[in-house]
Amino acid sequence: MTGPLVSICVPTWNGASFLGEALSSALDQTFSDFELLVLDDGSSDGTVALVESFRDPRLALHRNRRRLGIPGNWNRCLELARGKYVKFLFQDDVLVPTAVARLVAALDTAPDAALAFSRREIRHEGIARGRLPLLDGPYRQAVGAFHASFRGRVDGASLVADALRQGRDLTVNVVGEPSFVLLRREAVLGAGGFDPSFTQLVDWDLWLRLAARGPLVFVDEVLGVFRVHPGAHSAENHRRLRVRWEFVRLLDRVRHHYGPCLPPELRPVLSRTQWSYRRHLVGETLRRLNPLAETLP
């Protein structure tokens, strides 16, 4: 017996507030050849009861025996998925009815591609305007420039080189979150899956590793809503210094995977970018350890 073409995977933890809307958007897809796997990572709210209230044979609930954390739970999704393609959907997010169909069509027409991705709406709820991540400013400019830089598909070397030429920040995830990406499962497993040593940049790290192995395909449509709210992991991560050190590690990996294939004139640009991040983050660490440092002459 063969499995479904697509595995829609919903990793969740204490997600009862928004999970019902996410699951409904998955079950309402126009594309029908999929399984819906919910991976609960030890919720203590009403998450499990909510999932069990859905009566649909395509939905299966799996409860981890111990807490795996975010990257671990994502990798567990990859282990359990039976589909050729894997579609993550976060507990806070929502897909439009045609999302899976449009992304499957994109990957079907590009057998050498590791993933397909789309635009998404970013919706902020319950966060003061001055603290909004992913809103306007440098992020919006970086994503807009990236979307405008190619038509249909892009390879990793071109992605990195164009960013360096245009002064775009290589630590910015211009592809987007897993909810708006369709992955070729075999390619993801071949790349080693999600690296649990990352937290905020765990998806961007994988996208860059996949882009070193094959092209990325872009569906130029808004295929869902990425919800940012005070309880979301992305909002919390933006306040943690540890996450900022991931930027330096990510740039080290970019140098490892792409440095040899960059044009000679761009290699020193990448080196300067790495040095700038290191210097900035060392300074930020010292300021947090000694708040009086800023007042010293």
C-alpha atoms as a PDB file:
ATOM      1  CA  MET A   1       0.000   0.000   0.000  1.00  0.00           C
ATOM      2  CA  THR A   2       1.449   3.338  -1.046  1.00  0.00           C
ATOM      3  CA  GLY A   3       1.217   6.434   1.094  1.00  0.00           C
ATOM      4  CA  PRO A   4      -0.276   9.806   0.215  1.00  0.00           C
ATOM      5  CA  LEU A   5       1.596  12.222  -2.018  1.00  0.00           C
ATOM      6  CA  VAL A   6       1.676  14.894   0.691  1.00  0.00           C
ATOM      7  CA  SER A   7       2.057  14.760   4.454  1.00  0.00           C
ATOM      8  CA  ILE A   8       0.724  17.892   6.134  1.00  0.00           C
ATOM      9  CA  CYS A   9       2.491  17.993   9.500  1.00  0.00           C
ATOM     10  CA  VAL A  10       1.344  20.148  12.413  1.00  0.00           C
ATOM     11  CA  PRO A  11       3.898  20.227  15.257  1.00  0.00           C
ATOM     12  CA  THR A  12       2.129  21.615  18.308  1.00  0.00           C
ATOM     13  CA  TRP A  13       2.610  22.493  21.951  1.00  0.00           C
ATOM     14  CA  ASN A  14      -0.065  24.263  24.012  1.00  0.00           C
ATOM     15  CA  GLY A  15      -1.603  25.531  20.804  1.00  0.00           C
ATOM     16  CA  ALA A  16      -5.313  25.281  21.571  1.00  0.00           C
ATOM     17  CA  SER A  17      -5.930  29.004  21.012  1.00  0.00           C
ATOM     18  CA  PHE A  18      -5.364  28.906  17.253  1.00  0.00           C
ATOM     19  CA  LEU A  19      -4.933  25.226  16.380  1.00  0.00           C
ATOM     20  CA  GLY A  20      -8.542  24.608  15.401  1.00  0.00           C
ATOM     21  CA  GLU A  21      -8.357  27.244  12.671  1.00  0.00           C
ATOM     22  CA  ALA A  22      -5.082  25.792  11.399  1.00  0.00           C
ATOM     23  CA  LEU A  23      -6.454  22.241  11.216  1.00  0.00           C
ATOM     24  CA  SER A  24      -9.632  23.367   9.491  1.00  0.00           C
ATOM     25  CA  SER A  25      -7.586  25.195   6.849  1.00  0.00           C
ATOM     26  CA  ALA A  26      -5.606  21.990   6.223  1.00  0.00           C
ATOM     27  CA  LEU A  27      -8.687  19.797   5.919  1.00  0.00           C
ATOM     28  CA  ASP A  28     -10.352  22.315   3.572  1.00  0.00           C
ATOM     29  CA  GLN A  29      -7.630  22.038   0.914  1.00  0.00           C
ATOM     30  CA  THR A  30      -8.711  21.567  -2.688  1.00  0.00           C
ATOM     31  CA  PHE A  31      -5.856  19.060  -3.026  1.00  0.00           C
ATOM     32  CA  SER A  32      -7.036  15.715  -1.632  1.00  0.00           C
ATOM     33  CA  ASP A  33      -4.092  13.264  -1.669  1.00  0.00           C
ATOM     34  CA  PHE A  34      -2.707  14.019   1.771  1.00  0.00           C
ATOM     35  CA  GLU A  35      -2.469  12.831   5.350  1.00  0.00           C
ATOM     36  CA  LEU A  36      -2.671  15.248   8.271  1.00  0.00           C
ATOM     37  CA  LEU A  37      -0.310  14.437  11.137  1.00  0.00           C
ATOM     38  CA  VAL A  38      -0.496  16.348  14.422  1.00  0.00           C
ATOM     39  CA  LEU A  39       2.599  15.922  16.597  1.00  0.00           C
ATOM     40  CA  ASP A  40       1.865  17.028  20.165  1.00  0.00           C
ATOM     41  CA  ASP A  41       4.948  17.768  22.238  1.00  0.00           C
ATOM     42  CA  GLY A  42       3.494  17.414  25.721  1.00  0.00           C
ATOM     43  CA  SER A  43       0.734  20.031  25.772  1.00  0.00           C
ATOM     44  CA  SER A  44      -0.873  20.856  29.100  1.00  0.00           C
ATOM     45  CA  ASP A  45      -3.790  22.891  27.750  1.00  0.00           C
ATOM     46  CA  GLY A  46      -6.734  21.687  25.682  1.00  0.00           C
ATOM     47  CA  THR A  47      -4.696  20.898  22.568  1.00  0.00           C
ATOM     48  CA  VAL A  48      -5.172  17.129  22.611  1.00  0.00           C
ATOM     49  CA  ALA A  49      -8.910  17.328  23.266  1.00  0.00           C
ATOM     50  CA  LEU A  50      -9.287  19.835  20.450  1.00  0.00           C
ATOM     51  CA  VAL A  51      -7.462  17.596  17.975  1.00  0.00           C
ATOM     52  CA  GLU A  52      -9.524  14.579  19.032  1.00  0.00           C
ATOM     53  CA  SER A  53     -12.719  16.543  18.367  1.00  0.00           C
ATOM     54  CA  PHE A  54     -11.955  16.470  14.627  1.00  0.00           C
ATOM     55  CA  ARG A  55     -13.536  13.438  12.999  1.00  0.00           C
ATOM     56  CA  ASP A  56     -11.635  13.016   9.772  1.00  0.00           C
ATOM     57  CA  PRO A  57      -9.880   9.810   8.647  1.00  0.00           C
ATOM     58  CA  ARG A  58      -7.014  11.810   7.156  1.00  0.00           C
ATOM     59  CA  LEU A  59      -6.046  13.171  10.585  1.00  0.00           C
ATOM     60  CA  ALA A  60      -3.777  11.243  12.959  1.00  0.00           C
ATOM     61  CA  LEU A  61      -2.617  12.465  16.373  1.00  0.00           C
ATOM     62  CA  HIS A  62       0.803  11.455  17.701  1.00  0.00           C
ATOM     63  CA  ARG A  63       1.856  12.340  21.248  1.00  0.00           C
ATOM     64  CA  ASN A  64       5.579  12.413  21.986  1.00  0.00           C
ATOM     65  CA  ARG A  65       6.629  10.357  24.999  1.00  0.00           C
ATOM     66  CA  ARG A  66       8.950  13.157  26.079  1.00  0.00           C
ATOM     67  CA  ARG A  67       9.390  16.803  25.133  1.00  0.00           C
ATOM     68  CA  LEU A  68      11.471  17.096  21.973  1.00  0.00           C
ATOM     69  CA  GLY A  69      11.483  20.867  21.583  1.00  0.00           C
ATOM     70  CA  ILE A  70      10.812  22.688  18.346  1.00  0.00           C
ATOM     71  CA  PRO A  71      13.520  21.324  16.007  1.00  0.00           C
ATOM     72  CA  GLY A  72      13.182  17.847  17.498  1.00  0.00           C
ATOM     73  CA  ASN A  73       9.443  17.797  16.940  1.00  0.00           C
ATOM     74  CA  TRP A  74       9.884  18.998  13.364  1.00  0.00           C
ATOM     75  CA  ASN A  75      12.330  16.169  12.716  1.00  0.00           C
ATOM     76  CA  ARG A  76       9.885  13.726  14.286  1.00  0.00           C
ATOM     77  CA  CYS A  77       7.339  14.930  11.737  1.00  0.00           C
ATOM     78  CA  LEU A  78       9.771  14.043   8.961  1.00  0.00           C
ATOM     79  CA  GLU A  79      10.246  10.572  10.442  1.00  0.00           C
ATOM     80  CA  LEU A  80       6.525   9.809  10.598  1.00  0.00           C
ATOM     81  CA  ALA A  81       5.544  11.390   7.291  1.00  0.00           C
ATOM     82  CA  ARG A  82       4.689   8.910   4.540  1.00  0.00           C
ATOM     83  CA  GLY A  83       4.353  11.413   1.734  1.00  0.00           C
ATOM     84  CA  LYS A  84       6.801  12.193  -1.035  1.00  0.00           C
ATOM     85  CA  TYR A  85       6.247  15.843  -0.131  1.00  0.00           C
ATOM     86  CA  VAL A  86       6.043  17.319   3.368  1.00  0.00           C
ATOM     87  CA  LYS A  87       3.964  20.402   4.131  1.00  0.00           C
ATOM     88  CA  PHE A  88       4.448  21.871   7.596  1.00  0.00           C
ATOM     89  CA  LEU A  89       1.677  23.947   9.126  1.00  0.00           C
ATOM     90  CA  PHE A  90       2.299  25.712  12.411  1.00  0.00           C
ATOM     91  CA  GLN A  91      -0.426  25.788  15.057  1.00  0.00           C
ATOM     92  CA  ASP A  92      -0.793  29.578  14.704  1.00  0.00           C
ATOM     93  CA  ASP A  93      -0.968  29.733  10.915  1.00  0.00           C
ATOM     94  CA  VAL A  94      -3.646  29.323   8.262  1.00  0.00           C
ATOM     95  CA  LEU A  95      -3.518  28.101   4.652  1.00  0.00           C
ATOM     96  CA  VAL A  96      -5.725  29.271   1.800  1.00  0.00           C
ATOM     97  CA  PRO A  97      -7.694  26.370   0.229  1.00  0.00           C
ATOM     98  CA  THR A  98      -5.443  26.171  -2.856  1.00  0.00           C
ATOM     99  CA  ALA A  99      -2.104  26.338  -0.997  1.00  0.00           C
ATOM    100  CA  VAL A 100      -1.122  22.669  -1.204  1.00  0.00           C
ATOM    101  CA  ALA A 101      -2.315  22.307  -4.804  1.00  0.00           C
ATOM    102  CA  ARG A 102      -0.298  25.304  -5.978  1.00  0.00           C
ATOM    103  CA  LEU A 103       2.883  24.202  -4.197  1.00  0.00           C
ATOM    104  CA  VAL A 104       2.571  20.592  -5.390  1.00  0.00           C
ATOM    105  CA  ALA A 105       2.175  21.789  -8.977  1.00  0.00           C
ATOM    106  CA  ALA A 106       5.342  23.866  -8.600  1.00  0.00           C
ATOM    107  CA  LEU A 107       7.426  20.957  -7.307  1.00  0.00           C
ATOM    108  CA  ASP A 108       5.970  18.509  -9.830  1.00  0.00           C
ATOM    109  CA  THR A 109       7.233  20.700 -12.665  1.00  0.00           C
ATOM    110  CA  ALA A 110      10.726  21.003 -11.136  1.00  0.00           C
ATOM    111  CA  PRO A 111      12.007  17.505 -10.275  1.00  0.00           C
ATOM    112  CA  ASP A 112      15.434  18.883  -9.366  1.00  0.00           C
ATOM    113  CA  ALA A 113      14.008  21.325  -6.820  1.00  0.00           C
ATOM    114  CA  ALA A 114      14.222  20.659  -3.086  1.00  0.00           C
ATOM    115  CA  LEU A 115      11.405  22.960  -2.044  1.00  0.00           C
ATOM    116  CA  ALA A 116       8.691  25.302  -3.269  1.00  0.00           C
ATOM    117  CA  PHE A 117       7.622  28.390  -1.361  1.00  0.00           C
ATOM    118  CA  SER A 118       5.136  31.227  -1.629  1.00  0.00           C
ATOM    119  CA  ARG A 119       4.265  34.655  -0.358  1.00  0.00           C
ATOM    120  CA  ARG A 120       2.251  34.891   2.857  1.00  0.00           C
ATOM    121  CA  GLU A 121       0.352  37.516   4.783  1.00  0.00           C
ATOM    122  CA  ILE A 122       1.979  38.515   8.075  1.00  0.00           C
ATOM    123  CA  ARG A 123      -0.630  39.247  10.717  1.00  0.00           C
ATOM    124  CA  HIS A 124       0.324  40.781  14.076  1.00  0.00           C
ATOM    125  CA  GLU A 125      -2.078  40.348  16.978  1.00  0.00           C
ATOM    126  CA  GLY A 126      -1.755  41.767  20.494  1.00  0.00           C
ATOM    127  CA  ILE A 127       1.775  43.179  20.087  1.00  0.00           C
ATOM    128  CA  ALA A 128       2.664  46.847  20.599  1.00  0.00           C
ATOM    129  CA  ARG A 129       3.571  48.428  17.288  1.00  0.00           C
ATOM    130  CA  GLY A 130       7.063  49.416  18.387  1.00  0.00           C
ATOM    131  CA  ARG A 131       7.943  45.751  19.060  1.00  0.00           C
ATOM    132  CA  LEU A 132       6.635  44.128  15.903  1.00  0.00           C
ATOM    133  CA  PRO A 133       8.987  41.669  14.223  1.00  0.00           C
ATOM    134  CA  LEU A 134       8.658  41.080  10.458  1.00  0.00           C
ATOM    135  CA  LEU A 135       7.049  44.456   9.786  1.00  0.00           C
ATOM    136  CA  ASP A 136       8.136  46.920   7.126  1.00  0.00           C
ATOM    137  CA  GLY A 137      11.638  48.408   7.376  1.00  0.00           C
ATOM    138  CA  PRO A 138      14.690  46.292   6.465  1.00  0.00           C
ATOM    139  CA  TYR A 139      12.803  42.997   6.523  1.00  0.00           C
ATOM    140  CA  ARG A 140      10.144  44.098   4.061  1.00  0.00           C
ATOM    141  CA  GLN A 141      12.809  45.594   1.806  1.00  0.00           C
ATOM    142  CA  ALA A 142      14.914  42.410   1.885  1.00  0.00           C
ATOM    143  CA  VAL A 143      11.979  40.154   1.029  1.00  0.00           C
ATOM    144  CA  GLY A 144      10.744  42.511  -1.681  1.00  0.00           C
ATOM    145  CA  ALA A 145      14.172  42.645  -3.304  1.00  0.00           C
ATOM    146  CA  PHE A 146      14.473  38.862  -3.133  1.00  0.00           C
ATOM    147  CA  HIS A 147      11.081  38.253  -4.741  1.00  0.00           C
ATOM    148  CA  ALA A 148      11.951  40.704  -7.497  1.00  0.00           C
ATOM    149  CA  SER A 149      15.356  39.136  -8.170  1.00  0.00           C
ATOM    150  CA  PHE A 150      14.168  36.038 -10.036  1.00  0.00           C
ATOM    151  CA  ARG A 151      11.300  34.455 -11.903  1.00  0.00           C
ATOM    152  CA  GLY A 152      10.081  31.025 -10.883  1.00  0.00           C
ATOM    153  CA  ARG A 153      13.229  29.458  -9.430  1.00  0.00           C
ATOM    154  CA  VAL A 154      16.554  30.342  -7.864  1.00  0.00           C
ATOM    155  CA  ASP A 155      19.680  28.405  -6.903  1.00  0.00           C
ATOM    156  CA  GLY A 156      21.504  28.939  -3.645  1.00  0.00           C
ATOM    157  CA  ALA A 157      24.685  30.366  -5.144  1.00  0.00           C
ATOM    158  CA  SER A 158      22.713  33.058  -6.974  1.00  0.00           C
ATOM    159  CA  LEU A 159      20.664  33.791  -3.855  1.00  0.00           C
ATOM    160  CA  VAL A 160      23.794  34.407  -1.770  1.00  0.00           C
ATOM    161  CA  ALA A 161      25.669  36.303  -4.472  1.00  0.00           C
ATOM    162  CA  ASP A 162      22.723  38.619  -5.223  1.00  0.00           C
ATOM    163  CA  ALA A 163      22.284  39.362  -1.522  1.00  0.00           C
ATOM    164  CA  LEU A 164      25.940  40.325  -1.180  1.00  0.00           C
ATOM    165  CA  ARG A 165      25.872  42.489  -4.304  1.00  0.00           C
ATOM    166  CA  GLN A 166      22.726  44.301  -3.198  1.00  0.00           C
ATOM    167  CA  GLY A 167      23.691  44.636   0.467  1.00  0.00           C
ATOM    168  CA  ARG A 168      20.834  42.420   1.689  1.00  0.00           C
ATOM    169  CA  ASP A 169      21.207  40.807   5.110  1.00  0.00           C
ATOM    170  CA  LEU A 170      21.988  37.108   4.643  1.00  0.00           C
ATOM    171  CA  THR A 171      20.622  36.278   8.089  1.00  0.00           C
ATOM    172  CA  VAL A 172      17.106  37.305   6.992  1.00  0.00           C
ATOM    173  CA  ASN A 173      14.902  34.359   6.048  1.00  0.00           C
ATOM    174  CA  VAL A 174      13.569  35.674   2.752  1.00  0.00           C
ATOM    175  CA  VAL A 175      12.040  32.299   1.814  1.00  0.00           C
ATOM    176  CA  GLY A 176       9.721  32.304   4.824  1.00  0.00           C
ATOM    177  CA  GLU A 177       8.451  29.943   7.491  1.00  0.00           C
ATOM    178  CA  PRO A 178       7.797  26.189   7.041  1.00  0.00           C
ATOM    179  CA  SER A 179       4.022  26.812   6.923  1.00  0.00           C
ATOM    180  CA  PHE A 180       4.471  28.319   3.454  1.00  0.00           C
ATOM    181  CA  VAL A 181       6.981  25.838   2.065  1.00  0.00           C
ATOM    182  CA  LEU A 182       6.525  22.419   0.465  1.00  0.00           C
ATOM    183  CA  LEU A 183       9.508  20.119   0.929  1.00  0.00           C
ATOM    184  CA  ARG A 184      10.727  17.125  -1.008  1.00  0.00           C
ATOM    185  CA  ARG A 185      11.099  14.710   1.912  1.00  0.00           C
ATOM    186  CA  GLU A 186      13.977  12.740   0.404  1.00  0.00           C
ATOM    187  CA  ALA A 187      15.999  15.919  -0.149  1.00  0.00           C
ATOM    188  CA  VAL A 188      15.415  17.113   3.421  1.00  0.00           C
ATOM    189  CA  LEU A 189      16.502  13.810   4.920  1.00  0.00           C
ATOM    190  CA  GLY A 190      19.536  13.790   2.629  1.00  0.00           C
ATOM    191  CA  ALA A 191      20.503  17.232   3.937  1.00  0.00           C
ATOM    192  CA  GLY A 192      20.269  16.031   7.554  1.00  0.00           C
ATOM    193  CA  GLY A 193      16.926  17.575   8.502  1.00  0.00           C
ATOM    194  CA  PHE A 194      16.548  20.454  10.924  1.00  0.00           C
ATOM    195  CA  ASP A 195      19.572  21.265  13.098  1.00  0.00           C
ATOM    196  CA  PRO A 196      18.459  21.253  16.777  1.00  0.00           C
ATOM    197  CA  SER A 197      21.328  23.546  17.757  1.00  0.00           C
ATOM    198  CA  PHE A 198      19.407  26.419  16.129  1.00  0.00           C
ATOM    199  CA  THR A 199      16.206  27.968  17.468  1.00  0.00           C
ATOM    200  CA  GLN A 200      15.117  31.096  15.580  1.00  0.00           C
ATOM    201  CA  LEU A 201      17.083  30.349  12.398  1.00  0.00           C
ATOM    202  CA  VAL A 202      16.479  26.599  12.261  1.00  0.00           C
ATOM    203  CA  ASP A 203      14.329  26.793   9.123  1.00  0.00           C
ATOM    204  CA  TRP A 204      16.520  29.327   7.281  1.00  0.00           C
ATOM    205  CA  ASP A 205      19.583  27.195   8.002  1.00  0.00           C
ATOM    206  CA  LEU A 206      17.890  24.215   6.344  1.00  0.00           C
ATOM    207  CA  TRP A 207      16.617  26.233   3.384  1.00  0.00           C
ATOM    208  CA  LEU A 208      20.177  27.414   2.679  1.00  0.00           C
ATOM    209  CA  ARG A 209      21.539  23.889   2.928  1.00  0.00           C
ATOM    210  CA  LEU A 210      18.840  22.640   0.558  1.00  0.00           C
ATOM    211  CA  ALA A 211      19.518  25.496  -1.867  1.00  0.00           C
ATOM    212  CA  ALA A 212      23.122  24.293  -2.087  1.00  0.00           C
ATOM    213  CA  ARG A 213      21.798  20.955  -3.407  1.00  0.00           C
ATOM    214  CA  GLY A 214      19.083  22.082  -5.798  1.00  0.00           C
ATOM    215  CA  PRO A 215      16.969  25.056  -6.874  1.00  0.00           C
ATOM    216  CA  LEU A 216      14.087  26.610  -4.955  1.00  0.00           C
ATOM    217  CA  VAL A 217      10.777  27.228  -6.737  1.00  0.00           C
ATOM    218  CA  PHE A 218       8.703  30.340  -6.051  1.00  0.00           C
ATOM    219  CA  VAL A 219       4.903  30.494  -6.279  1.00  0.00           C
ATOM    220  CA  ASP A 220       4.132  34.183  -6.590  1.00  0.00           C
ATOM    221  CA  GLU A 221       0.878  34.099  -4.628  1.00  0.00           C
ATOM    222  CA  VAL A 222      -0.189  34.680  -1.030  1.00  0.00           C
ATOM    223  CA  LEU A 223      -1.029  31.157   0.151  1.00  0.00           C
ATOM    224  CA  GLY A 224      -1.666  31.709   3.842  1.00  0.00           C
ATOM    225  CA  VAL A 225      -1.393  33.772   6.990  1.00  0.00           C
ATOM    226  CA  PHE A 226       1.599  33.808   9.321  1.00  0.00           C
ATOM    227  CA  ARG A 227       0.308  34.949  12.691  1.00  0.00           C
ATOM    228  CA  VAL A 228       2.662  36.743  15.121  1.00  0.00           C
ATOM    229  CA  HIS A 229       1.372  37.253  18.674  1.00  0.00           C
ATOM    230  CA  PRO A 230       2.857  37.576  22.190  1.00  0.00           C
ATOM    231  CA  GLY A 231       2.746  33.823  22.812  1.00  0.00           C
ATOM    232  CA  ALA A 232       4.348  32.867  19.505  1.00  0.00           C
ATOM    233  CA  HIS A 233       7.876  31.481  19.491  1.00  0.00           C
ATOM    234  CA  SER A 234       9.029  33.991  16.884  1.00  0.00           C
ATOM    235  CA  ALA A 235       7.961  36.922  19.059  1.00  0.00           C
ATOM    236  CA  GLU A 236       9.715  35.461  22.105  1.00  0.00           C
ATOM    237  CA  ASN A 237      12.897  34.600  20.223  1.00  0.00           C
ATOM    238  CA  HIS A 238      13.378  38.171  19.058  1.00  0.00           C
ATOM    239  CA  ARG A 239      13.918  39.134  22.706  1.00  0.00           C
ATOM    240  CA  ARG A 240      16.680  36.585  23.403  1.00  0.00           C
ATOM    241  CA  LEU A 241      20.366  37.385  23.056  1.00  0.00           C
ATOM    242  CA  ARG A 242      21.265  33.757  22.438  1.00  0.00           C
ATOM    243  CA  VAL A 243      19.307  33.847  19.201  1.00  0.00           C
ATOM    244  CA  ARG A 244      21.365  36.761  17.939  1.00  0.00           C
ATOM    245  CA  TRP A 245      24.513  34.657  18.171  1.00  0.00           C
ATOM    246  CA  GLU A 246      22.894  32.272  15.706  1.00  0.00           C
ATOM    247  CA  PHE A 247      23.395  34.945  13.063  1.00  0.00           C
ATOM    248  CA  VAL A 248      27.160  34.540  13.331  1.00  0.00           C
ATOM    249  CA  ARG A 249      26.927  30.753  13.150  1.00  0.00           C
ATOM    250  CA  LEU A 250      24.642  30.959  10.137  1.00  0.00           C
ATOM    251  CA  LEU A 251      27.088  33.194   8.270  1.00  0.00           C
ATOM    252  CA  ASP A 252      29.853  30.699   9.057  1.00  0.00           C
ATOM    253  CA  ARG A 253      27.755  28.026   7.376  1.00  0.00           C
ATOM    254  CA  VAL A 254      27.046  30.254   4.393  1.00  0.00           C
ATOM    255  CA  ARG A 255      30.795  30.684   3.984  1.00  0.00           C
ATOM    256  CA  HIS A 256      31.310  26.923   4.230  1.00  0.00           C
ATOM    257  CA  HIS A 257      28.602  25.976   1.708  1.00  0.00           C
ATOM    258  CA  TYR A 258      28.874  28.876  -0.725  1.00  0.00           C
ATOM    259  CA  GLY A 259      32.257  30.564  -0.225  1.00  0.00           C
ATOM    260  CA  PRO A 260      34.130  28.440  -2.802  1.00  0.00           C
ATOM    261  CA  CYS A 261      31.542  29.100  -5.524  1.00  0.00           C
ATOM    262  CA  LEU A 262      31.241  32.867  -4.970  1.00  0.00           C
ATOM    263  CA  PRO A 263      32.887  35.239  -7.457  1.00  0.00           C
ATOM    264  CA  PRO A 264      36.274  36.378  -6.087  1.00  0.00           C
ATOM    265  CA  GLU A 265      35.099  39.965  -5.598  1.00  0.00           C
ATOM    266  CA  LEU A 266      32.260  38.848  -3.295  1.00  0.00           C
ATOM    267  CA  ARG A 267      34.289  36.702  -0.907  1.00  0.00           C
ATOM    268  CA  PRO A 268      35.712  39.680   1.010  1.00  0.00           C
ATOM    269  CA  VAL A 269      32.191  41.144   1.184  1.00  0.00           C
ATOM    270  CA  LEU A 270      31.032  38.005   2.994  1.00  0.00           C
ATOM    271  CA  SER A 271      34.057  38.168   5.308  1.00  0.00           C
ATOM    272  CA  ARG A 272      33.301  41.787   6.199  1.00  0.00           C
ATOM    273  CA  THR A 273      29.681  40.868   6.883  1.00  0.00           C
ATOM    274  CA  GLN A 274      30.778  38.112   9.266  1.00  0.00           C
ATOM    275  CA  TRP A 275      33.191  40.457  11.064  1.00  0.00           C
ATOM    276  CA  SER A 276      30.530  43.135  11.415  1.00  0.00           C
ATOM    277  CA  TYR A 277      28.110  40.691  13.037  1.00  0.00           C
ATOM    278  CA  ARG A 278      30.752  39.358  15.398  1.00  0.00           C
ATOM    279  CA  ARG A 279      31.764  42.829  16.525  1.00  0.00           C
ATOM    280  CA  HIS A 280      28.163  43.955  17.001  1.00  0.00           C
ATOM    281  CA  LEU A 281      27.158  40.904  19.013  1.00  0.00           C
ATOM    282  CA  VAL A 282      30.225  40.981  21.224  1.00  0.00           C
ATOM    283  CA  GLY A 283      29.386  44.591  22.025  1.00  0.00           C
ATOM    284  CA  GLU A 284      25.741  43.731  22.705  1.00  0.00           C
ATOM    285  CA  THR A 285      26.780  40.912  25.035  1.00  0.00           C
ATOM    286  CA  LEU A 286      29.086  43.185  26.985  1.00  0.00           C
ATOM    287  CA  ARG A 287      26.363  45.820  27.323  1.00  0.00           C
ATOM    288  CA  ARG A 288      23.945  43.266  28.722  1.00  0.00           C
ATOM    289  CA  LEU A 289      26.515  41.936  31.149  1.00  0.00           C
ATOM    290  CA  ASN A 290      27.407  45.460  32.266  1.00  0.00           C
ATOM    291  CA  PRO A 291      24.569  47.974  31.667  1.00  0.00           C
ATOM    292  CA  LEU A 292      26.814  50.758  32.974  1.00  0.00           C
ATOM    293  CA  ALA A 293      29.212  50.248  30.070  1.00  0.00           C
ATOM    294  CA  GLU A 294      27.168  52.547  27.820  1.00  0.00           C
ATOM    295  CA  THR A 295      27.645  55.449  30.243  1.00  0.00           C
ATOM    296  CA  LEU A 296      31.410  55.094  30.489  1.00  0.00           C
ATOM    297  CA  PRO A 297      33.559  57.596  28.552  1.00  0.00           C
END
